[in-house]
Amino acid sequence: MNILIWILMIVGGAAGMLSTAYLVLAMPVIFGWKVYRKFKYHIGLYD
């Protein structure tokens, strides 16, 4: 039973770390892409 709990903790922790890493990396990239499109194509930031 103890090994099952350890496996669940490792899988849950890995899922949390991956989702957090994705958000930390994706948000600035998307914001930069939108700013780039604003200056190059004169598209609004909210489109």
N, C-alpha and C. Protein backbone atom coordinates (compact mmCIF):
# COMPACT_ATOMS: atom_id res chain seq x y z
N MET A 1 0.83 -1.20 0.00
CA MET A 1 0.00 0.00 0.00
C MET A 1 0.86 1.25 0.00
N ASN A 2 1.97 1.21 0.72
CA ASN A 2 2.83 2.37 0.80
C ASN A 2 3.45 2.71 -0.55
N ILE A 3 3.81 1.70 -1.35
CA ILE A 3 4.40 1.96 -2.67
C ILE A 3 3.38 2.61 -3.60
N LEU A 4 2.12 2.26 -3.49
CA LEU A 4 1.07 2.85 -4.31
C LEU A 4 0.91 4.34 -3.99
N ILE A 5 0.98 4.68 -2.74
CA ILE A 5 0.89 6.09 -2.34
C ILE A 5 2.09 6.87 -2.88
N TRP A 6 3.29 6.28 -2.83
CA TRP A 6 4.47 6.94 -3.37
C TRP A 6 4.35 7.16 -4.88
N ILE A 7 3.84 6.18 -5.58
CA ILE A 7 3.66 6.32 -7.04
C ILE A 7 2.66 7.43 -7.33
N LEU A 8 1.56 7.48 -6.61
CA LEU A 8 0.58 8.54 -6.81
C LEU A 8 1.16 9.91 -6.49
N MET A 9 1.98 10.01 -5.46
CA MET A 9 2.62 11.28 -5.12
C MET A 9 3.57 11.73 -6.22
N ILE A 10 4.34 10.80 -6.77
CA ILE A 10 5.29 11.14 -7.82
C ILE A 10 4.57 11.56 -9.09
N VAL A 11 3.53 10.83 -9.47
CA VAL A 11 2.77 11.17 -10.68
C VAL A 11 2.06 12.51 -10.50
N GLY A 12 1.45 12.72 -9.37
CA GLY A 12 0.76 13.99 -9.11
C GLY A 12 1.73 15.16 -9.06
N GLY A 13 2.86 14.98 -8.43
CA GLY A 13 3.87 16.04 -8.38
C GLY A 13 4.43 16.36 -9.76
N ALA A 14 4.66 15.34 -10.57
CA ALA A 14 5.16 15.56 -11.92
C ALA A 14 4.12 16.30 -12.76
N ALA A 15 2.85 15.94 -12.62
CA ALA A 15 1.80 16.63 -13.37
C ALA A 15 1.72 18.10 -12.96
N GLY A 16 1.84 18.37 -11.69
CA GLY A 16 1.82 19.75 -11.21
C GLY A 16 3.02 20.55 -11.70
N MET A 17 4.19 19.94 -11.68
CA MET A 17 5.39 20.65 -12.14
C MET A 17 5.34 20.91 -13.64
N LEU A 18 4.85 19.95 -14.42
CA LEU A 18 4.77 20.14 -15.87
C LEU A 18 3.77 21.22 -16.24
N SER A 19 2.61 21.22 -15.58
CA SER A 19 1.62 22.24 -15.90
C SER A 19 2.10 23.64 -15.48
N THR A 20 2.80 23.73 -14.37
CA THR A 20 3.35 25.01 -13.93
C THR A 20 4.44 25.49 -14.87
N ALA A 21 5.31 24.59 -15.29
CA ALA A 21 6.38 24.96 -16.22
C ALA A 21 5.80 25.42 -17.55
N TYR A 22 4.75 24.76 -18.02
CA TYR A 22 4.11 25.16 -19.28
C TYR A 22 3.55 26.57 -19.16
N LEU A 23 2.87 26.87 -18.07
CA LEU A 23 2.30 28.21 -17.90
C LEU A 23 3.39 29.27 -17.78
N VAL A 24 4.44 28.97 -17.04
CA VAL A 24 5.52 29.95 -16.85
C VAL A 24 6.22 30.24 -18.18
N LEU A 25 6.36 29.24 -19.04
CA LEU A 25 7.04 29.45 -20.31
C LEU A 25 6.10 30.00 -21.39
N ALA A 26 4.85 29.58 -21.39
CA ALA A 26 3.94 29.94 -22.48
C ALA A 26 3.41 31.37 -22.36
N MET A 27 3.15 31.84 -21.17
CA MET A 27 2.56 33.17 -21.01
C MET A 27 3.45 34.28 -21.58
N PRO A 28 4.73 34.36 -21.24
CA PRO A 28 5.56 35.43 -21.83
C PRO A 28 5.72 35.28 -23.34
N VAL A 29 5.78 34.04 -23.84
CA VAL A 29 5.91 33.84 -25.28
C VAL A 29 4.68 34.33 -26.01
N ILE A 30 3.50 34.01 -25.50
CA ILE A 30 2.26 34.46 -26.14
C ILE A 30 2.15 35.98 -26.06
N PHE A 31 2.50 36.56 -24.93
CA PHE A 31 2.44 38.02 -24.80
C PHE A 31 3.41 38.69 -25.77
N GLY A 32 4.62 38.16 -25.89
CA GLY A 32 5.59 38.70 -26.84
C GLY A 32 5.13 38.57 -28.28
N TRP A 33 4.50 37.46 -28.61
CA TRP A 33 3.97 37.24 -29.95
C TRP A 33 2.87 38.26 -30.26
N LYS A 34 2.02 38.53 -29.29
CA LYS A 34 0.95 39.51 -29.50
C LYS A 34 1.51 40.93 -29.66
N VAL A 35 2.53 41.27 -28.89
CA VAL A 35 3.16 42.59 -29.04
C VAL A 35 3.83 42.70 -30.40
N TYR A 36 4.50 41.64 -30.84
CA TYR A 36 5.13 41.62 -32.15
C TYR A 36 4.08 41.83 -33.26
N ARG A 37 2.96 41.13 -33.18
CA ARG A 37 1.91 41.29 -34.18
C ARG A 37 1.33 42.70 -34.14
N LYS A 38 1.25 43.28 -32.94
CA LYS A 38 0.71 44.64 -32.82
C LYS A 38 1.58 45.62 -33.59
N PHE A 39 2.90 45.52 -33.43
CA PHE A 39 3.78 46.47 -34.09
C PHE A 39 3.96 46.17 -35.57
N LYS A 40 3.97 44.91 -35.95
CA LYS A 40 4.21 44.59 -37.36
C LYS A 40 2.95 44.71 -38.21
N TYR A 41 1.82 44.17 -37.71
CA TYR A 41 0.60 44.12 -38.52
C TYR A 41 -0.49 45.06 -38.03
N HIS A 42 -0.24 45.81 -36.97
CA HIS A 42 -1.22 46.74 -36.40
C HIS A 42 -2.50 46.02 -35.99
N ILE A 43 -2.34 44.85 -35.40
CA ILE A 43 -3.46 44.06 -34.88
C ILE A 43 -3.56 44.34 -33.38
N GLY A 44 -4.78 44.42 -32.85
CA GLY A 44 -4.95 44.69 -31.43
C GLY A 44 -4.43 43.54 -30.57
N LEU A 45 -4.11 43.87 -29.34
CA LEU A 45 -3.60 42.86 -28.41
C LEU A 45 -4.67 41.83 -28.03
N TYR A 46 -5.93 42.18 -28.17
CA TYR A 46 -7.00 41.29 -27.72
C TYR A 46 -7.61 40.48 -28.85
N ASP A 47 -7.05 40.54 -30.05
CA ASP A 47 -7.57 39.76 -31.18
C ASP A 47 -6.87 38.42 -31.26
